[in-house]
Amino acid sequence: TQEKLGEWDTELIEHWFHSVAQSAGLTLHCQVLYG
């Protein structure tokens, strides 16, 4: 719900996980149940 954590753009967090999954060959499911 905010654009940045520190100076890091929060829209890049999903992209980081996507890129790791792609290059490591992972089937990866990430879910926030609440928070």
PDB file of all heavy atoms in Angstrom:
ATOM      1  N   THR A   1       0.810  -1.217   0.000  1.00  0.00           N
ATOM      2  CA  THR A   1       0.000   0.000   0.000  1.00  0.00           C
ATOM      3  C   THR A   1       0.845   1.269   0.000  1.00  0.00           C
ATOM      4  O   THR A   1       0.304   2.358   0.106  1.00  0.00           O
ATOM      5  CB  THR A   1      -0.952   0.018   1.209  1.00  0.00           C
ATOM      6  OG1 THR A   1      -0.173  -0.077   2.422  1.00  0.00           O
ATOM      7  CG2 THR A   1      -1.924  -1.152   1.144  1.00  0.00           C
ATOM      8  N   GLN A   2       2.150   1.118  -0.096  1.00  0.00           N
ATOM      9  CA  GLN A   2       3.012   2.284  -0.260  1.00  0.00           C
ATOM     10  C   GLN A   2       3.978   2.027  -1.396  1.00  0.00           C
ATOM     11  O   GLN A   2       4.258   0.879  -1.740  1.00  0.00           O
ATOM     12  CB  GLN A   2       3.749   2.631   1.042  1.00  0.00           C
ATOM     13  CG  GLN A   2       4.676   1.568   1.569  1.00  0.00           C
ATOM     14  CD  GLN A   2       5.160   1.857   2.975  1.00  0.00           C
ATOM     15  OE1 GLN A   2       4.369   1.978   3.912  1.00  0.00           O
ATOM     16  NE2 GLN A   2       6.476   1.986   3.140  1.00  0.00           N
ATOM     17  N   GLU A   3       4.474   3.096  -1.992  1.00  0.00           N
ATOM     18  CA  GLU A   3       5.289   2.975  -3.200  1.00  0.00           C
ATOM     19  C   GLU A   3       6.714   2.559  -2.924  1.00  0.00           C
ATOM     20  O   GLU A   3       7.371   2.001  -3.803  1.00  0.00           O
ATOM     21  CB  GLU A   3       5.269   4.293  -3.971  1.00  0.00           C
ATOM     22  CG  GLU A   3       3.909   4.640  -4.561  1.00  0.00           C
ATOM     23  CD  GLU A   3       3.951   5.904  -5.392  1.00  0.00           C
ATOM     24  OE1 GLU A   3       5.042   6.521  -5.490  1.00  0.00           O
ATOM     25  OE2 GLU A   3       2.906   6.272  -5.943  1.00  0.00           O
ATOM     26  N   LYS A   4       7.230   2.823  -1.733  1.00  0.00           N
ATOM     27  CA  LYS A   4       8.628   2.533  -1.446  1.00  0.00           C
ATOM     28  C   LYS A   4       8.789   1.941  -0.057  1.00  0.00           C
ATOM     29  O   LYS A   4       8.017   2.242   0.853  1.00  0.00           O
ATOM     30  CB  LYS A   4       9.476   3.815  -1.544  1.00  0.00           C
ATOM     31  CG  LYS A   4       9.629   4.349  -2.963  1.00  0.00           C
ATOM     32  CD  LYS A   4      10.538   5.580  -2.982  1.00  0.00           C
ATOM     33  CE  LYS A   4      10.712   6.122  -4.399  1.00  0.00           C
ATOM     34  NZ  LYS A   4      11.484   5.199  -5.258  1.00  0.00           N
ATOM     35  N   LEU A   5       9.801   1.088   0.085  1.00  0.00           N
ATOM     36  CA  LEU A   5      10.316   0.659   1.377  1.00  0.00           C
ATOM     37  C   LEU A   5      11.759   1.117   1.414  1.00  0.00           C
ATOM     38  O   LEU A   5      12.573   0.650   0.618  1.00  0.00           O
ATOM     39  CB  LEU A   5      10.206  -0.859   1.523  1.00  0.00           C
ATOM     40  CG  LEU A   5       8.794  -1.387   1.792  1.00  0.00           C
ATOM     41  CD1 LEU A   5       8.745  -2.895   1.625  1.00  0.00           C
ATOM     42  CD2 LEU A   5       8.334  -0.990   3.184  1.00  0.00           C
ATOM     43  N   GLY A   6      12.058   2.043   2.316  1.00  0.00           N
ATOM     44  CA  GLY A   6      13.326   2.739   2.192  1.00  0.00           C
ATOM     45  C   GLY A   6      13.315   3.471   0.869  1.00  0.00           C
ATOM     46  O   GLY A   6      12.373   4.199   0.550  1.00  0.00           O
ATOM     47  N   GLU A   7      14.332   3.207   0.050  1.00  0.00           N
ATOM     48  CA  GLU A   7      14.368   3.814  -1.283  1.00  0.00           C
ATOM     49  C   GLU A   7      13.958   2.828  -2.370  1.00  0.00           C
ATOM     50  O   GLU A   7      13.979   3.140  -3.557  1.00  0.00           O
ATOM     51  CB  GLU A   7      15.770   4.371  -1.586  1.00  0.00           C
ATOM     52  CG  GLU A   7      16.838   3.333  -1.892  1.00  0.00           C
ATOM     53  CD  GLU A   7      17.470   2.675  -0.678  1.00  0.00           C
ATOM     54  OE1 GLU A   7      16.878   2.706   0.426  1.00  0.00           O
ATOM     55  OE2 GLU A   7      18.575   2.121  -0.834  1.00  0.00           O
ATOM     56  N   TRP A   8      13.560   1.603  -1.971  1.00  0.00           N
ATOM     57  CA  TRP A   8      13.263   0.540  -2.927  1.00  0.00           C
ATOM     58  C   TRP A   8      11.802   0.608  -3.366  1.00  0.00           C
ATOM     59  O   TRP A   8      10.893   0.650  -2.532  1.00  0.00           O
ATOM     60  CB  TRP A   8      13.548  -0.810  -2.298  1.00  0.00           C
ATOM     61  CG  TRP A   8      13.664  -1.962  -3.259  1.00  0.00           C
ATOM     62  CD1 TRP A   8      14.060  -1.916  -4.556  1.00  0.00           C
ATOM     63  CD2 TRP A   8      13.408  -3.335  -2.961  1.00  0.00           C
ATOM     64  NE1 TRP A   8      14.067  -3.183  -5.096  1.00  0.00           N
ATOM     65  CE2 TRP A   8      13.668  -4.063  -4.137  1.00  0.00           C
ATOM     66  CE3 TRP A   8      12.986  -4.010  -1.815  1.00  0.00           C
ATOM     67  CZ2 TRP A   8      13.527  -5.452  -4.204  1.00  0.00           C
ATOM     68  CZ3 TRP A   8      12.847  -5.387  -1.882  1.00  0.00           C
ATOM     69  CH2 TRP A   8      13.117  -6.094  -3.067  1.00  0.00           C
ATOM     70  N   ASP A   9      11.567   0.598  -4.671  1.00  0.00           N
ATOM     71  CA  ASP A   9      10.206   0.622  -5.218  1.00  0.00           C
ATOM     72  C   ASP A   9       9.512  -0.703  -4.933  1.00  0.00           C
ATOM     73  O   ASP A   9       9.988  -1.768  -5.347  1.00  0.00           O
ATOM     74  CB  ASP A   9      10.231   0.862  -6.733  1.00  0.00           C
ATOM     75  CG  ASP A   9      10.861   2.190  -7.098  1.00  0.00           C
ATOM     76  OD1 ASP A   9      10.715   3.146  -6.321  1.00  0.00           O
ATOM     77  OD2 ASP A   9      11.507   2.267  -8.167  1.00  0.00           O
ATOM     78  N   THR A  10       8.367  -0.661  -4.255  1.00  0.00           N
ATOM     79  CA  THR A  10       7.700  -1.909  -3.871  1.00  0.00           C
ATOM     80  C   THR A  10       7.188  -2.696  -5.080  1.00  0.00           C
ATOM     81  O   THR A  10       7.017  -3.909  -4.988  1.00  0.00           O
ATOM     82  CB  THR A  10       6.539  -1.641  -2.890  1.00  0.00           C
ATOM     83  OG1 THR A  10       5.677  -0.634  -3.435  1.00  0.00           O
ATOM     84  CG2 THR A  10       7.058  -1.188  -1.546  1.00  0.00           C
ATOM     85  N   GLU A  11       6.974  -2.026  -6.219  1.00  0.00           N
ATOM     86  CA  GLU A  11       6.541  -2.779  -7.402  1.00  0.00           C
ATOM     87  C   GLU A  11       7.620  -3.749  -7.883  1.00  0.00           C
ATOM     88  O   GLU A  11       7.327  -4.685  -8.631  1.00  0.00           O
ATOM     89  CB  GLU A  11       6.164  -1.827  -8.535  1.00  0.00           C
ATOM     90  CG  GLU A  11       7.342  -1.108  -9.176  1.00  0.00           C
ATOM     91  CD  GLU A  11       6.940  -0.322 -10.419  1.00  0.00           C
ATOM     92  OE1 GLU A  11       5.730  -0.212 -10.683  1.00  0.00           O
ATOM     93  OE2 GLU A  11       7.852   0.173 -11.107  1.00  0.00           O
ATOM     94  N   LEU A  12       8.861  -3.555  -7.432  1.00  0.00           N
ATOM     95  CA  LEU A  12       9.955  -4.428  -7.856  1.00  0.00           C
ATOM     96  C   LEU A  12      10.063  -5.702  -7.030  1.00  0.00           C
ATOM     97  O   LEU A  12      10.811  -6.616  -7.401  1.00  0.00           O
ATOM     98  CB  LEU A  12      11.277  -3.658  -7.803  1.00  0.00           C
ATOM     99  CG  LEU A  12      11.397  -2.491  -8.783  1.00  0.00           C
ATOM    100  CD1 LEU A  12      12.684  -1.712  -8.536  1.00  0.00           C
ATOM    101  CD2 LEU A  12      11.333  -2.994 -10.225  1.00  0.00           C
ATOM    102  N   ILE A  13       9.340  -5.784  -5.924  1.00  0.00           N
ATOM    103  CA  ILE A  13       9.446  -6.960  -5.057  1.00  0.00           C
ATOM    104  C   ILE A  13       8.922  -8.205  -5.773  1.00  0.00           C
ATOM    105  O   ILE A  13       9.597  -9.244  -5.819  1.00  0.00           O
ATOM    106  CB  ILE A  13       8.719  -6.720  -3.727  1.00  0.00           C
ATOM    107  CG1 ILE A  13       9.409  -5.572  -2.973  1.00  0.00           C
ATOM    108  CG2 ILE A  13       8.701  -7.991  -2.871  1.00  0.00           C
ATOM    109  CD1 ILE A  13       8.630  -5.034  -1.798  1.00  0.00           C
ATOM    110  N   GLU A  14       7.745  -8.116  -6.343  1.00  0.00           N
ATOM    111  CA  GLU A  14       7.215  -9.248  -7.117  1.00  0.00           C
ATOM    112  C   GLU A  14       8.156  -9.588  -8.262  1.00  0.00           C
ATOM    113  O   GLU A  14       8.397 -10.777  -8.548  1.00  0.00           O
ATOM    114  CB  GLU A  14       5.830  -8.921  -7.666  1.00  0.00           C
ATOM    115  CG  GLU A  14       5.244 -10.039  -8.510  1.00  0.00           C
ATOM    116  CD  GLU A  14       3.885  -9.711  -9.101  1.00  0.00           C
ATOM    117  OE1 GLU A  14       3.349  -8.611  -8.826  1.00  0.00           O
ATOM    118  OE2 GLU A  14       3.342 -10.562  -9.844  1.00  0.00           O
ATOM    119  N   HIS A  15       8.717  -8.579  -8.904  1.00  0.00           N
ATOM    120  CA  HIS A  15       9.610  -8.821 -10.034  1.00  0.00           C
ATOM    121  C   HIS A  15      10.870  -9.552  -9.591  1.00  0.00           C
ATOM    122  O   HIS A  15      11.398 -10.404 -10.328  1.00  0.00           O
ATOM    123  CB  HIS A  15       9.957  -7.492 -10.710  1.00  0.00           C
ATOM    124  CG  HIS A  15      10.626  -7.658 -12.027  1.00  0.00           C
ATOM    125  ND1 HIS A  15      10.083  -8.396 -13.067  1.00  0.00           N
ATOM    126  CD2 HIS A  15      11.828  -7.214 -12.486  1.00  0.00           C
ATOM    127  CE1 HIS A  15      10.902  -8.380 -14.093  1.00  0.00           C
ATOM    128  NE2 HIS A  15      11.976  -7.683 -13.763  1.00  0.00           N
ATOM    129  N   TRP A  16      11.373  -9.252  -8.403  1.00  0.00           N
ATOM    130  CA  TRP A  16      12.538  -9.958  -7.871  1.00  0.00           C
ATOM    131  C   TRP A  16      12.225 -11.444  -7.726  1.00  0.00           C
ATOM    132  O   TRP A  16      12.994 -12.307  -8.162  1.00  0.00           O
ATOM    133  CB  TRP A  16      12.952  -9.360  -6.523  1.00  0.00           C
ATOM    134  CG  TRP A  16      14.238  -9.908  -5.981  1.00  0.00           C
ATOM    135  CD1 TRP A  16      15.487  -9.387  -6.146  1.00  0.00           C
ATOM    136  CD2 TRP A  16      14.397 -11.094  -5.172  1.00  0.00           C
ATOM    137  NE1 TRP A  16      16.419 -10.177  -5.499  1.00  0.00           N
ATOM    138  CE2 TRP A  16      15.777 -11.220  -4.904  1.00  0.00           C
ATOM    139  CE3 TRP A  16      13.515 -12.044  -4.665  1.00  0.00           C
ATOM    140  CZ2 TRP A  16      16.290 -12.267  -4.134  1.00  0.00           C
ATOM    141  CZ3 TRP A  16      14.030 -13.093  -3.907  1.00  0.00           C
ATOM    142  CH2 TRP A  16      15.396 -13.204  -3.645  1.00  0.00           C
ATOM    143  N   PHE A  17      11.092 -11.760  -7.112  1.00  0.00           N
ATOM    144  CA  PHE A  17      10.718 -13.160  -6.924  1.00  0.00           C
ATOM    145  C   PHE A  17      10.503 -13.854  -8.270  1.00  0.00           C
ATOM    146  O   PHE A  17      10.906 -15.016  -8.449  1.00  0.00           O
ATOM    147  CB  PHE A  17       9.470 -13.272  -6.048  1.00  0.00           C
ATOM    148  CG  PHE A  17       9.753 -13.154  -4.579  1.00  0.00           C
ATOM    149  CD1 PHE A  17       9.703 -11.931  -3.936  1.00  0.00           C
ATOM    150  CD2 PHE A  17      10.082 -14.272  -3.832  1.00  0.00           C
ATOM    151  CE1 PHE A  17       9.971 -11.816  -2.576  1.00  0.00           C
ATOM    152  CE2 PHE A  17      10.355 -14.178  -2.466  1.00  0.00           C
ATOM    153  CZ  PHE A  17      10.300 -12.939  -1.835  1.00  0.00           C
ATOM    154  N   HIS A  18       9.889 -13.154  -9.213  1.00  0.00           N
ATOM    155  CA  HIS A  18       9.677 -13.721 -10.544  1.00  0.00           C
ATOM    156  C   HIS A  18      11.015 -14.050 -11.202  1.00  0.00           C
ATOM    157  O   HIS A  18      11.196 -15.125 -11.786  1.00  0.00           O
ATOM    158  CB  HIS A  18       8.882 -12.739 -11.402  1.00  0.00           C
ATOM    159  CG  HIS A  18       8.666 -13.201 -12.803  1.00  0.00           C
ATOM    160  ND1 HIS A  18       9.510 -12.859 -13.843  1.00  0.00           N
ATOM    161  CD2 HIS A  18       7.716 -14.000 -13.351  1.00  0.00           C
ATOM    162  CE1 HIS A  18       9.088 -13.415 -14.953  1.00  0.00           C
ATOM    163  NE2 HIS A  18       8.002 -14.111 -14.697  1.00  0.00           N
ATOM    164  N   SER A  19      11.970 -13.138 -11.105  1.00  0.00           N
ATOM    165  CA  SER A  19      13.266 -13.330 -11.753  1.00  0.00           C
ATOM    166  C   SER A  19      14.050 -14.469 -11.117  1.00  0.00           C
ATOM    167  O   SER A  19      14.705 -15.253 -11.814  1.00  0.00           O
ATOM    168  CB  SER A  19      14.073 -12.023 -11.702  1.00  0.00           C
ATOM    169  OG  SER A  19      13.409 -11.001 -12.407  1.00  0.00           O
ATOM    170  N   VAL A  20      14.007 -14.593  -9.794  1.00  0.00           N
ATOM    171  CA  VAL A  20      14.673 -15.709  -9.119  1.00  0.00           C
ATOM    172  C   VAL A  20      14.035 -17.029  -9.530  1.00  0.00           C
ATOM    173  O   VAL A  20      14.732 -18.003  -9.847  1.00  0.00           O
ATOM    174  CB  VAL A  20      14.629 -15.543  -7.582  1.00  0.00           C
ATOM    175  CG1 VAL A  20      15.025 -16.832  -6.883  1.00  0.00           C
ATOM    176  CG2 VAL A  20      15.553 -14.421  -7.144  1.00  0.00           C
ATOM    177  N   ALA A  21      12.710 -17.071  -9.536  1.00  0.00           N
ATOM    178  CA  ALA A  21      12.013 -18.306  -9.906  1.00  0.00           C
ATOM    179  C   ALA A  21      12.370 -18.726 -11.329  1.00  0.00           C
ATOM    180  O   ALA A  21      12.623 -19.907 -11.601  1.00  0.00           O
ATOM    181  CB  ALA A  21      10.503 -18.124  -9.763  1.00  0.00           C
ATOM    182  N   GLN A  22      12.404 -17.770 -12.245  1.00  0.00           N
ATOM    183  CA  GLN A  22      12.712 -18.070 -13.640  1.00  0.00           C
ATOM    184  C   GLN A  22      14.125 -18.629 -13.791  1.00  0.00           C
ATOM    185  O   GLN A  22      14.339 -19.630 -14.477  1.00  0.00           O
ATOM    186  CB  GLN A  22      12.548 -16.810 -14.498  1.00  0.00           C
ATOM    187  CG  GLN A  22      11.116 -16.389 -14.713  1.00  0.00           C
ATOM    188  CD  GLN A  22      10.352 -17.361 -15.590  1.00  0.00           C
ATOM    189  OE1 GLN A  22      10.818 -17.768 -16.644  1.00  0.00           O
ATOM    190  NE2 GLN A  22       9.165 -17.739 -15.149  1.00  0.00           N
ATOM    191  N   SER A  23      15.088 -17.980 -13.176  1.00  0.00           N
ATOM    192  CA  SER A  23      16.481 -18.377 -13.413  1.00  0.00           C
ATOM    193  C   SER A  23      16.908 -19.581 -12.582  1.00  0.00           C
ATOM    194  O   SER A  23      17.809 -20.320 -12.986  1.00  0.00           O
ATOM    195  CB  SER A  23      17.425 -17.193 -13.168  1.00  0.00           C
ATOM    196  OG  SER A  23      17.286 -16.703 -11.854  1.00  0.00           O
ATOM    197  N   ALA A  24      16.263 -19.807 -11.438  1.00  0.00           N
ATOM    198  CA  ALA A  24      16.600 -20.976 -10.618  1.00  0.00           C
ATOM    199  C   ALA A  24      15.766 -22.195 -10.993  1.00  0.00           C
ATOM    200  O   ALA A  24      16.078 -23.303 -10.567  1.00  0.00           O
ATOM    201  CB  ALA A  24      16.409 -20.658  -9.136  1.00  0.00           C
ATOM    202  N   GLY A  25      14.704 -22.004 -11.773  1.00  0.00           N
ATOM    203  CA  GLY A  25      13.836 -23.108 -12.153  1.00  0.00           C
ATOM    204  C   GLY A  25      12.901 -23.538 -11.040  1.00  0.00           C
ATOM    205  O   GLY A  25      12.708 -24.733 -10.806  1.00  0.00           O
ATOM    206  N   LEU A  26      12.302 -22.556 -10.370  1.00  0.00           N
ATOM    207  CA  LEU A  26      11.414 -22.839  -9.245  1.00  0.00           C
ATOM    208  C   LEU A  26       9.953 -22.659  -9.634  1.00  0.00           C
ATOM    209  O   LEU A  26       9.600 -21.684 -10.304  1.00  0.00           O
ATOM    210  CB  LEU A  26      11.696 -21.879  -8.082  1.00  0.00           C
ATOM    211  CG  LEU A  26      13.124 -21.741  -7.586  1.00  0.00           C
ATOM    212  CD1 LEU A  26      13.188 -20.692  -6.485  1.00  0.00           C
ATOM    213  CD2 LEU A  26      13.662 -23.079  -7.105  1.00  0.00           C
ATOM    214  N   THR A  27       9.114 -23.556  -9.179  1.00  0.00           N
ATOM    215  CA  THR A  27       7.685 -23.284  -9.097  1.00  0.00           C
ATOM    216  C   THR A  27       7.480 -22.671  -7.718  1.00  0.00           C
ATOM    217  O   THR A  27       7.731 -23.328  -6.705  1.00  0.00           O
ATOM    218  CB  THR A  27       6.860 -24.569  -9.238  1.00  0.00           C
ATOM    219  OG1 THR A  27       7.128 -25.157 -10.512  1.00  0.00           O
ATOM    220  CG2 THR A  27       5.374 -24.280  -9.118  1.00  0.00           C
ATOM    221  N   LEU A  28       7.041 -21.426  -7.676  1.00  0.00           N
ATOM    222  CA  LEU A  28       7.069 -20.646  -6.435  1.00  0.00           C
ATOM    223  C   LEU A  28       5.719 -19.980  -6.207  1.00  0.00           C
ATOM    224  O   LEU A  28       5.228 -19.257  -7.073  1.00  0.00           O
ATOM    225  CB  LEU A  28       8.183 -19.601  -6.541  1.00  0.00           C
ATOM    226  CG  LEU A  28       8.374 -18.625  -5.379  1.00  0.00           C
ATOM    227  CD1 LEU A  28       8.697 -19.375  -4.091  1.00  0.00           C
ATOM    228  CD2 LEU A  28       9.507 -17.644  -5.725  1.00  0.00           C
ATOM    229  N   HIS A  29       5.132 -20.263  -5.069  1.00  0.00           N
ATOM    230  CA  HIS A  29       3.852 -19.670  -4.683  1.00  0.00           C
ATOM    231  C   HIS A  29       4.076 -18.811  -3.437  1.00  0.00           C
ATOM    232  O   HIS A  29       4.530 -19.328  -2.403  1.00  0.00           O
ATOM    233  CB  HIS A  29       2.820 -20.754  -4.373  1.00  0.00           C
ATOM    234  CG  HIS A  29       2.412 -21.544  -5.570  1.00  0.00           C
ATOM    235  ND1 HIS A  29       1.139 -21.513  -6.092  1.00  0.00           N
ATOM    236  CD2 HIS A  29       3.125 -22.394  -6.364  1.00  0.00           C
ATOM    237  CE1 HIS A  29       1.069 -22.302  -7.148  1.00  0.00           C
ATOM    238  NE2 HIS A  29       2.266 -22.857  -7.334  1.00  0.00           N
ATOM    239  N   CYS A  30       3.774 -17.529  -3.539  1.00  0.00           N
ATOM    240  CA  CYS A  30       3.950 -16.585  -2.439  1.00  0.00           C
ATOM    241  C   CYS A  30       2.606 -15.936  -2.128  1.00  0.00           C
ATOM    242  O   CYS A  30       1.971 -15.366  -3.025  1.00  0.00           O
ATOM    243  CB  CYS A  30       4.945 -15.488  -2.810  1.00  0.00           C
ATOM    244  SG  CYS A  30       6.601 -16.073  -3.218  1.00  0.00           S
ATOM    245  N   GLN A  31       2.187 -16.000  -0.873  1.00  0.00           N
ATOM    246  CA  GLN A  31       0.890 -15.449  -0.494  1.00  0.00           C
ATOM    247  C   GLN A  31       0.985 -14.798   0.877  1.00  0.00           C
ATOM    248  O   GLN A  31       1.530 -15.378   1.823  1.00  0.00           O
ATOM    249  CB  GLN A  31      -0.153 -16.565  -0.457  1.00  0.00           C
ATOM    250  CG  GLN A  31      -1.552 -16.100  -0.119  1.00  0.00           C
ATOM    251  CD  GLN A  31      -2.561 -17.240  -0.138  1.00  0.00           C
ATOM    252  OE1 GLN A  31      -2.188 -18.413  -0.080  1.00  0.00           O
ATOM    253  NE2 GLN A  31      -3.832 -16.896  -0.226  1.00  0.00           N
ATOM    254  N   VAL A  32       0.437 -13.600   0.968  1.00  0.00           N
ATOM    255  CA  VAL A  32       0.266 -12.954   2.264  1.00  0.00           C
ATOM    256  C   VAL A  32      -1.154 -13.264   2.730  1.00  0.00           C
ATOM    257  O   VAL A  32      -2.128 -12.853   2.093  1.00  0.00           O
ATOM    258  CB  VAL A  32       0.506 -11.437   2.182  1.00  0.00           C
ATOM    259  CG1 VAL A  32       0.202 -10.775   3.523  1.00  0.00           C
ATOM    260  CG2 VAL A  32       1.947 -11.157   1.783  1.00  0.00           C
ATOM    261  N   LEU A  33      -1.262 -14.017   3.809  1.00  0.00           N
ATOM    262  CA  LEU A  33      -2.577 -14.411   4.309  1.00  0.00           C
ATOM    263  C   LEU A  33      -3.283 -13.234   4.970  1.00  0.00           C
ATOM    264  O   LEU A  33      -4.486 -13.065   4.825  1.00  0.00           O
ATOM    265  CB  LEU A  33      -2.439 -15.577   5.282  1.00  0.00           C
ATOM    266  CG  LEU A  33      -1.806 -16.840   4.675  1.00  0.00           C
ATOM    267  CD1 LEU A  33      -1.639 -17.916   5.735  1.00  0.00           C
ATOM    268  CD2 LEU A  33      -2.640 -17.361   3.520  1.00  0.00           C
ATOM    269  N   TYR A  34      -2.512 -12.432   5.691  1.00  0.00           N
ATOM    270  CA  TYR A  34      -3.016 -11.166   6.231  1.00  0.00           C
ATOM    271  C   TYR A  34      -1.840 -10.350   6.728  1.00  0.00           C
ATOM    272  O   TYR A  34      -0.744 -10.864   6.922  1.00  0.00           O
ATOM    273  CB  TYR A  34      -4.048 -11.377   7.346  1.00  0.00           C
ATOM    274  CG  TYR A  34      -3.674 -12.412   8.389  1.00  0.00           C
ATOM    275  CD1 TYR A  34      -2.819 -12.116   9.447  1.00  0.00           C
ATOM    276  CD2 TYR A  34      -4.196 -13.700   8.314  1.00  0.00           C
ATOM    277  CE1 TYR A  34      -2.489 -13.055  10.388  1.00  0.00           C
ATOM    278  CE2 TYR A  34      -3.877 -14.657   9.260  1.00  0.00           C
ATOM    279  CZ  TYR A  34      -3.026 -14.331  10.301  1.00  0.00           C
ATOM    280  OH  TYR A  34      -2.699 -15.274  11.242  1.00  0.00           O
ATOM    281  N   GLY A  35      -2.074  -9.064   6.880  1.00  0.00           N
ATOM    282  CA  GLY A  35      -1.037  -8.152   7.333  1.00  0.00           C
ATOM    283  C   GLY A  35      -1.287  -6.757   6.815  1.00  0.00           C
ATOM    284  O   GLY A  35      -1.978  -6.587   5.796  1.00  0.00           O
TER     285      GLY A  35
END
